[in-house]
Amino acid sequence: MGEGFEMTDAASGDYVEFWAAGQVVTGEFHCSDCGYGVTILRALPLCPMCGCTSWEQSPWSPFTRARQPL
């Protein structure tokens, strides 16, 4: 997996890692501009909704896709 871009906020200590279009990745990502989501197993594309080139990796949890009632 490629290295992301780091952005820190010194006042609050928050950390956000950004990934650039063209980086080879695996996982779920959201456009850092419009929030469009993709699940990807290859190079990140330009956002198809807004054309942005930076992505944020979505937090993973085994419970994010709980079963829906039938």
PDB file of N, CA and C in Angstrom:
ATOM      1  N   MET A   1       0.852  -1.170   0.000  1.00  0.00           N
ATOM      2  CA  MET A   1       0.000   0.000   0.000  1.00  0.00           C
ATOM      3  C   MET A   1       0.900   1.235   0.000  1.00  0.00           C
ATOM      4  N   GLY A   2       0.520   2.244  -0.739  1.00  0.00           N
ATOM      5  CA  GLY A   2       1.311   3.470  -0.834  1.00  0.00           C
ATOM      6  C   GLY A   2       1.185   4.316   0.412  1.00  0.00           C
ATOM      7  N   GLU A   3       2.056   5.281   0.520  1.00  0.00           N
ATOM      8  CA  GLU A   3       1.988   6.185   1.662  1.00  0.00           C
ATOM      9  C   GLU A   3       1.007   7.304   1.370  1.00  0.00           C
ATOM     10  N   GLY A   4       0.261   7.692   2.373  1.00  0.00           N
ATOM     11  CA  GLY A   4      -0.697   8.785   2.224  1.00  0.00           C
ATOM     12  C   GLY A   4      -0.068  10.112   2.569  1.00  0.00           C
ATOM     13  N   PHE A   5      -0.794  11.147   2.366  1.00  0.00           N
ATOM     14  CA  PHE A   5      -0.362  12.481   2.753  1.00  0.00           C
ATOM     15  C   PHE A   5      -0.848  12.729   4.167  1.00  0.00           C
ATOM     16  N   GLU A   6      -0.025  13.340   4.977  1.00  0.00           N
ATOM     17  CA  GLU A   6      -0.392  13.594   6.355  1.00  0.00           C
ATOM     18  C   GLU A   6      -0.835  15.033   6.532  1.00  0.00           C
ATOM     19  N   MET A   7      -1.862  15.212   7.377  1.00  0.00           N
ATOM     20  CA  MET A   7      -2.301  16.553   7.724  1.00  0.00           C
ATOM     21  C   MET A   7      -2.608  16.533   9.212  1.00  0.00           C
ATOM     22  N   THR A   8      -1.975  17.399   9.952  1.00  0.00           N
ATOM     23  CA  THR A   8      -2.209  17.431  11.381  1.00  0.00           C
ATOM     24  C   THR A   8      -2.700  18.796  11.804  1.00  0.00           C
ATOM     25  N   ASP A   9      -3.460  18.794  12.880  1.00  0.00           N
ATOM     26  CA  ASP A   9      -3.937  20.033  13.473  1.00  0.00           C
ATOM     27  C   ASP A   9      -3.264  20.126  14.837  1.00  0.00           C
ATOM     28  N   ALA A  10      -2.247  20.976  14.957  1.00  0.00           N
ATOM     29  CA  ALA A  10      -1.449  21.060  16.176  1.00  0.00           C
ATOM     30  C   ALA A  10      -2.277  21.436  17.394  1.00  0.00           C
ATOM     31  N   ALA A  11      -3.308  22.241  17.219  1.00  0.00           N
ATOM     32  CA  ALA A  11      -4.097  22.696  18.362  1.00  0.00           C
ATOM     33  C   ALA A  11      -4.896  21.563  18.990  1.00  0.00           C
ATOM     34  N   SER A  12      -5.497  20.694  18.186  1.00  0.00           N
ATOM     35  CA  SER A  12      -6.350  19.647  18.738  1.00  0.00           C
ATOM     36  C   SER A  12      -5.698  18.279  18.735  1.00  0.00           C
ATOM     37  N   GLY A  13      -4.594  18.108  18.000  1.00  0.00           N
ATOM     38  CA  GLY A  13      -3.937  16.822  17.942  1.00  0.00           C
ATOM     39  C   GLY A  13      -4.623  15.848  16.994  1.00  0.00           C
ATOM     40  N   ASP A  14      -5.584  16.312  16.187  1.00  0.00           N
ATOM     41  CA  ASP A  14      -6.264  15.439  15.236  1.00  0.00           C
ATOM     42  C   ASP A  14      -5.319  15.079  14.106  1.00  0.00           C
ATOM     43  N   TYR A  15      -5.512  13.891  13.549  1.00  0.00           N
ATOM     44  CA  TYR A  15      -4.673  13.398  12.460  1.00  0.00           C
ATOM     45  C   TYR A  15      -5.569  12.868  11.359  1.00  0.00           C
ATOM     46  N   VAL A  16      -5.358  13.345  10.139  1.00  0.00           N
ATOM     47  CA  VAL A  16      -6.108  12.874   8.981  1.00  0.00           C
ATOM     48  C   VAL A  16      -5.101  12.491   7.922  1.00  0.00           C
ATOM     49  N   GLU A  17      -5.206  11.266   7.418  1.00  0.00           N
ATOM     50  CA  GLU A  17      -4.312  10.805   6.374  1.00  0.00           C
ATOM     51  C   GLU A  17      -5.051  10.845   5.045  1.00  0.00           C
ATOM     52  N   PHE A  18      -4.463  11.500   4.053  1.00  0.00           N
ATOM     53  CA  PHE A  18      -5.053  11.605   2.733  1.00  0.00           C
ATOM     54  C   PHE A  18      -4.279  10.731   1.765  1.00  0.00           C
ATOM     55  N   TRP A  19      -4.979  10.164   0.797  1.00  0.00           N
ATOM     56  CA  TRP A  19      -4.389   9.329  -0.246  1.00  0.00           C
ATOM     57  C   TRP A  19      -4.655   9.997  -1.581  1.00  0.00           C
ATOM     58  N   ALA A  20      -3.685   9.974  -2.479  1.00  0.00           N
ATOM     59  CA  ALA A  20      -3.798  10.652  -3.770  1.00  0.00           C
ATOM     60  C   ALA A  20      -4.330   9.716  -4.846  1.00  0.00           C
ATOM     61  N   ALA A  21      -5.068  10.289  -5.798  1.00  0.00           N
ATOM     62  CA  ALA A  21      -5.514   9.536  -6.963  1.00  0.00           C
ATOM     63  C   ALA A  21      -4.279   8.945  -7.641  1.00  0.00           C
ATOM     64  N   GLY A  22      -4.373   7.693  -8.057  1.00  0.00           N
ATOM     65  CA  GLY A  22      -3.255   6.998  -8.693  1.00  0.00           C
ATOM     66  C   GLY A  22      -2.502   6.075  -7.768  1.00  0.00           C
ATOM     67  N   GLN A  23      -2.660   6.241  -6.446  1.00  0.00           N
ATOM     68  CA  GLN A  23      -1.999   5.350  -5.503  1.00  0.00           C
ATOM     69  C   GLN A  23      -2.722   4.016  -5.488  1.00  0.00           C
ATOM     70  N   VAL A  24      -1.958   2.909  -5.464  1.00  0.00           N
ATOM     71  CA  VAL A  24      -2.537   1.573  -5.416  1.00  0.00           C
ATOM     72  C   VAL A  24      -2.892   1.257  -3.965  1.00  0.00           C
ATOM     73  N   VAL A  25      -4.180   0.961  -3.728  1.00  0.00           N
ATOM     74  CA  VAL A  25      -4.683   0.740  -2.373  1.00  0.00           C
ATOM     75  C   VAL A  25      -5.710  -0.384  -2.380  1.00  0.00           C
ATOM     76  N   THR A  26      -6.073  -0.823  -1.201  1.00  0.00           N
ATOM     77  CA  THR A  26      -7.158  -1.777  -1.002  1.00  0.00           C
ATOM     78  C   THR A  26      -7.984  -1.292   0.171  1.00  0.00           C
ATOM     79  N   GLY A  27      -9.289  -1.199  -0.013  1.00  0.00           N
ATOM     80  CA  GLY A  27     -10.152  -0.811   1.089  1.00  0.00           C
ATOM     81  C   GLY A  27     -11.244   0.152   0.674  1.00  0.00           C
ATOM     82  N   GLU A  28     -11.862   0.748   1.688  1.00  0.00           N
ATOM     83  CA  GLU A  28     -12.946   1.705   1.461  1.00  0.00           C
ATOM     84  C   GLU A  28     -12.415   3.114   1.680  1.00  0.00           C
ATOM     85  N   PHE A  29     -12.731   4.002   0.743  1.00  0.00           N
ATOM     86  CA  PHE A  29     -12.258   5.378   0.781  1.00  0.00           C
ATOM     87  C   PHE A  29     -13.402   6.323   0.465  1.00  0.00           C
ATOM     88  N   HIS A  30     -13.301   7.553   0.974  1.00  0.00           N
ATOM     89  CA  HIS A  30     -14.271   8.609   0.682  1.00  0.00           C
ATOM     90  C   HIS A  30     -13.520   9.815   0.141  1.00  0.00           C
ATOM     91  N   CYS A  31     -14.115  10.468  -0.841  1.00  0.00           N
ATOM     92  CA  CYS A  31     -13.541  11.682  -1.407  1.00  0.00           C
ATOM     93  C   CYS A  31     -13.427  12.728  -0.296  1.00  0.00           C
ATOM     94  N   SER A  32     -12.281  13.367  -0.196  1.00  0.00           N
ATOM     95  CA  SER A  32     -12.091  14.359   0.862  1.00  0.00           C
ATOM     96  C   SER A  32     -12.848  15.649   0.574  1.00  0.00           C
ATOM     97  N   ASP A  33     -13.364  15.802  -0.639  1.00  0.00           N
ATOM     98  CA  ASP A  33     -14.088  17.024  -0.997  1.00  0.00           C
ATOM     99  C   ASP A  33     -15.605  16.841  -0.879  1.00  0.00           C
ATOM    100  N   CYS A  34     -16.148  15.834  -1.566  1.00  0.00           N
ATOM    101  CA  CYS A  34     -17.611  15.686  -1.605  1.00  0.00           C
ATOM    102  C   CYS A  34     -18.137  14.504  -0.795  1.00  0.00           C
ATOM    103  N   GLY A  35     -17.262  13.597  -0.336  1.00  0.00           N
ATOM    104  CA  GLY A  35     -17.695  12.469   0.482  1.00  0.00           C
ATOM    105  C   GLY A  35     -18.095  11.230  -0.301  1.00  0.00           C
ATOM    106  N   TYR A  36     -17.981  11.247  -1.629  1.00  0.00           N
ATOM    107  CA  TYR A  36     -18.317  10.075  -2.449  1.00  0.00           C
ATOM    108  C   TYR A  36     -17.484   8.888  -1.988  1.00  0.00           C
ATOM    109  N   GLY A  37     -18.091   7.718  -1.839  1.00  0.00           N
ATOM    110  CA  GLY A  37     -17.396   6.545  -1.338  1.00  0.00           C
ATOM    111  C   GLY A  37     -17.116   5.509  -2.407  1.00  0.00           C
ATOM    112  N   VAL A  38     -15.951   4.858  -2.297  1.00  0.00           N
ATOM    113  CA  VAL A  38     -15.575   3.773  -3.193  1.00  0.00           C
ATOM    114  C   VAL A  38     -14.948   2.655  -2.383  1.00  0.00           C
ATOM    115  N   THR A  39     -15.104   1.424  -2.877  1.00  0.00           N
ATOM    116  CA  THR A  39     -14.358   0.281  -2.373  1.00  0.00           C
ATOM    117  C   THR A  39     -13.424  -0.098  -3.505  1.00  0.00           C
ATOM    118  N   ILE A  40     -12.143  -0.149  -3.223  1.00  0.00           N
ATOM    119  CA  ILE A  40     -11.166  -0.233  -4.303  1.00  0.00           C
ATOM    120  C   ILE A  40     -10.112  -1.306  -4.036  1.00  0.00           C
ATOM    121  N   LEU A  41      -9.666  -1.966  -5.092  1.00  0.00           N
ATOM    122  CA  LEU A  41      -8.607  -2.968  -5.017  1.00  0.00           C
ATOM    123  C   LEU A  41      -7.520  -2.666  -6.044  1.00  0.00           C
ATOM    124  N   ARG A  42      -7.345  -1.419  -6.361  1.00  0.00           N
ATOM    125  CA  ARG A  42      -6.375  -0.990  -7.378  1.00  0.00           C
ATOM    126  C   ARG A  42      -6.017   0.468  -7.124  1.00  0.00           C
ATOM    127  N   ALA A  43      -5.626   1.180  -8.162  1.00  0.00           N
ATOM    128  CA  ALA A  43      -5.268   2.596  -8.014  1.00  0.00           C
ATOM    129  C   ALA A  43      -6.512   3.446  -7.790  1.00  0.00           C
ATOM    130  N   LEU A  44      -6.402   4.385  -6.870  1.00  0.00           N
ATOM    131  CA  LEU A  44      -7.512   5.310  -6.634  1.00  0.00           C
ATOM    132  C   LEU A  44      -7.755   6.170  -7.865  1.00  0.00           C
ATOM    133  N   PRO A  45      -9.006   6.343  -8.254  1.00  0.00           N
ATOM    134  CA  PRO A  45      -9.318   7.183  -9.415  1.00  0.00           C
ATOM    135  C   PRO A  45      -9.506   8.636  -8.995  1.00  0.00           C
ATOM    136  N   LEU A  46      -9.715   9.502  -9.965  1.00  0.00           N
ATOM    137  CA  LEU A  46     -10.239  10.830  -9.668  1.00  0.00           C
ATOM    138  C   LEU A  46     -11.666  10.606  -9.193  1.00  0.00           C
ATOM    139  N   CYS A  47     -12.159  11.433  -8.315  1.00  0.00           N
ATOM    140  CA  CYS A  47     -13.532  11.290  -7.850  1.00  0.00           C
ATOM    141  C   CYS A  47     -14.476  11.470  -9.047  1.00  0.00           C
ATOM    142  N   PRO A  48     -15.358  10.490  -9.314  1.00  0.00           N
ATOM    143  CA  PRO A  48     -16.266  10.618 -10.446  1.00  0.00           C
ATOM    144  C   PRO A  48     -17.348  11.675 -10.246  1.00  0.00           C
ATOM    145  N   MET A  49     -17.552  12.115  -9.007  1.00  0.00           N
ATOM    146  CA  MET A  49     -18.585  13.116  -8.741  1.00  0.00           C
ATOM    147  C   MET A  49     -18.060  14.549  -8.859  1.00  0.00           C
ATOM    148  N   CYS A  50     -16.854  14.813  -8.322  1.00  0.00           N
ATOM    149  CA  CYS A  50     -16.374  16.197  -8.296  1.00  0.00           C
ATOM    150  C   CYS A  50     -14.991  16.388  -8.922  1.00  0.00           C
ATOM    151  N   GLY A  51     -14.297  15.291  -9.252  1.00  0.00           N
ATOM    152  CA  GLY A  51     -12.978  15.404  -9.873  1.00  0.00           C
ATOM    153  C   GLY A  51     -11.833  15.611  -8.906  1.00  0.00           C
ATOM    154  N   CYS A  52     -12.105  15.564  -7.607  1.00  0.00           N
ATOM    155  CA  CYS A  52     -11.068  15.745  -6.586  1.00  0.00           C
ATOM    156  C   CYS A  52     -10.026  14.624  -6.691  1.00  0.00           C
ATOM    157  N   THR A  53      -8.811  14.899  -6.248  1.00  0.00           N
ATOM    158  CA  THR A  53      -7.737  13.915  -6.329  1.00  0.00           C
ATOM    159  C   THR A  53      -7.303  13.362  -4.978  1.00  0.00           C
ATOM    160  N   SER A  54      -7.932  13.779  -3.882  1.00  0.00           N
ATOM    161  CA  SER A  54      -7.526  13.266  -2.572  1.00  0.00           C
ATOM    162  C   SER A  54      -8.659  12.486  -1.913  1.00  0.00           C
ATOM    163  N   TRP A  55      -8.268  11.413  -1.239  1.00  0.00           N
ATOM    164  CA  TRP A  55      -9.204  10.477  -0.626  1.00  0.00           C
ATOM    165  C   TRP A  55      -8.833  10.259   0.833  1.00  0.00           C
ATOM    166  N   GLU A  56      -9.836   9.948   1.655  1.00  0.00           N
ATOM    167  CA  GLU A  56      -9.629   9.576   3.055  1.00  0.00           C
ATOM    168  C   GLU A  56     -10.068   8.130   3.208  1.00  0.00           C
ATOM    169  N   GLN A  57      -9.258   7.330   3.919  1.00  0.00           N
ATOM    170  CA  GLN A  57      -9.643   5.942   4.144  1.00  0.00           C
ATOM    171  C   GLN A  57     -10.744   5.891   5.186  1.00  0.00           C
ATOM    172  N   SER A  58     -11.772   5.098   4.915  1.00  0.00           N
ATOM    173  CA  SER A  58     -12.894   4.950   5.842  1.00  0.00           C
ATOM    174  C   SER A  58     -12.461   4.085   7.007  1.00  0.00           C
ATOM    175  N   PRO A  59     -12.910   4.416   8.211  1.00  0.00           N
ATOM    176  CA  PRO A  59     -12.582   3.558   9.355  1.00  0.00           C
ATOM    177  C   PRO A  59     -13.231   2.197   9.174  1.00  0.00           C
ATOM    178  N   TRP A  60     -12.515   1.150   9.542  1.00  0.00           N
ATOM    179  CA  TRP A  60     -13.017  -0.203   9.380  1.00  0.00           C
ATOM    180  C   TRP A  60     -13.479  -0.757  10.717  1.00  0.00           C
ATOM    181  N   SER A  61     -14.570  -1.469  10.689  1.00  0.00           N
ATOM    182  CA  SER A  61     -15.076  -2.164  11.865  1.00  0.00           C
ATOM    183  C   SER A  61     -15.785  -3.421  11.379  1.00  0.00           C
ATOM    184  N   PRO A  62     -15.679  -4.518  12.105  1.00  0.00           N
ATOM    185  CA  PRO A  62     -16.388  -5.725  11.676  1.00  0.00           C
ATOM    186  C   PRO A  62     -17.904  -5.567  11.749  1.00  0.00           C
ATOM    187  N   PHE A  63     -18.378  -4.489  12.386  1.00  0.00           N
ATOM    188  CA  PHE A  63     -19.816  -4.290  12.546  1.00  0.00           C
ATOM    189  C   PHE A  63     -20.380  -3.226  11.605  1.00  0.00           C
ATOM    190  N   THR A  64     -19.570  -2.700  10.677  1.00  0.00           N
ATOM    191  CA  THR A  64     -20.056  -1.642   9.797  1.00  0.00           C
ATOM    192  C   THR A  64     -21.091  -2.144   8.805  1.00  0.00           C
ATOM    193  N   ARG A  65     -21.084  -3.415   8.537  1.00  0.00           N
ATOM    194  CA  ARG A  65     -22.053  -3.980   7.591  1.00  0.00           C
ATOM    195  C   ARG A  65     -22.884  -5.054   8.280  1.00  0.00           C
ATOM    196  N   ALA A  66     -23.565  -4.639   9.315  1.00  0.00           N
ATOM    197  CA  ALA A  66     -24.419  -5.573  10.044  1.00  0.00           C
ATOM    198  C   ALA A  66     -25.547  -6.051   9.125  1.00  0.00           C
ATOM    199  N   ARG A  67     -26.016  -7.227   9.377  1.00  0.00           N
ATOM    200  CA  ARG A  67     -27.080  -7.785   8.542  1.00  0.00           C
ATOM    201  C   ARG A  67     -28.338  -6.936   8.635  1.00  0.00           C
ATOM    202  N   GLN A  68     -28.927  -6.740   7.480  1.00  0.00           N
ATOM    203  CA  GLN A  68     -30.201  -6.026   7.379  1.00  0.00           C
ATOM    204  C   GLN A  68     -31.335  -7.043   7.586  1.00  0.00           C
ATOM    205  N   PRO A  69     -32.421  -6.658   8.256  1.00  0.00           N
ATOM    206  CA  PRO A  69     -33.553  -7.575   8.386  1.00  0.00           C
ATOM    207  C   PRO A  69     -34.140  -7.878   7.009  1.00  0.00           C
ATOM    208  N   LEU A  70     -34.566  -9.115   6.826  1.00  0.00           N
ATOM    209  CA  LEU A  70     -35.137  -9.516   5.528  1.00  0.00           C
ATOM    210  C   LEU A  70     -36.531  -9.057   5.352  1.00  0.00           C
TER     211      LEU A  70
END
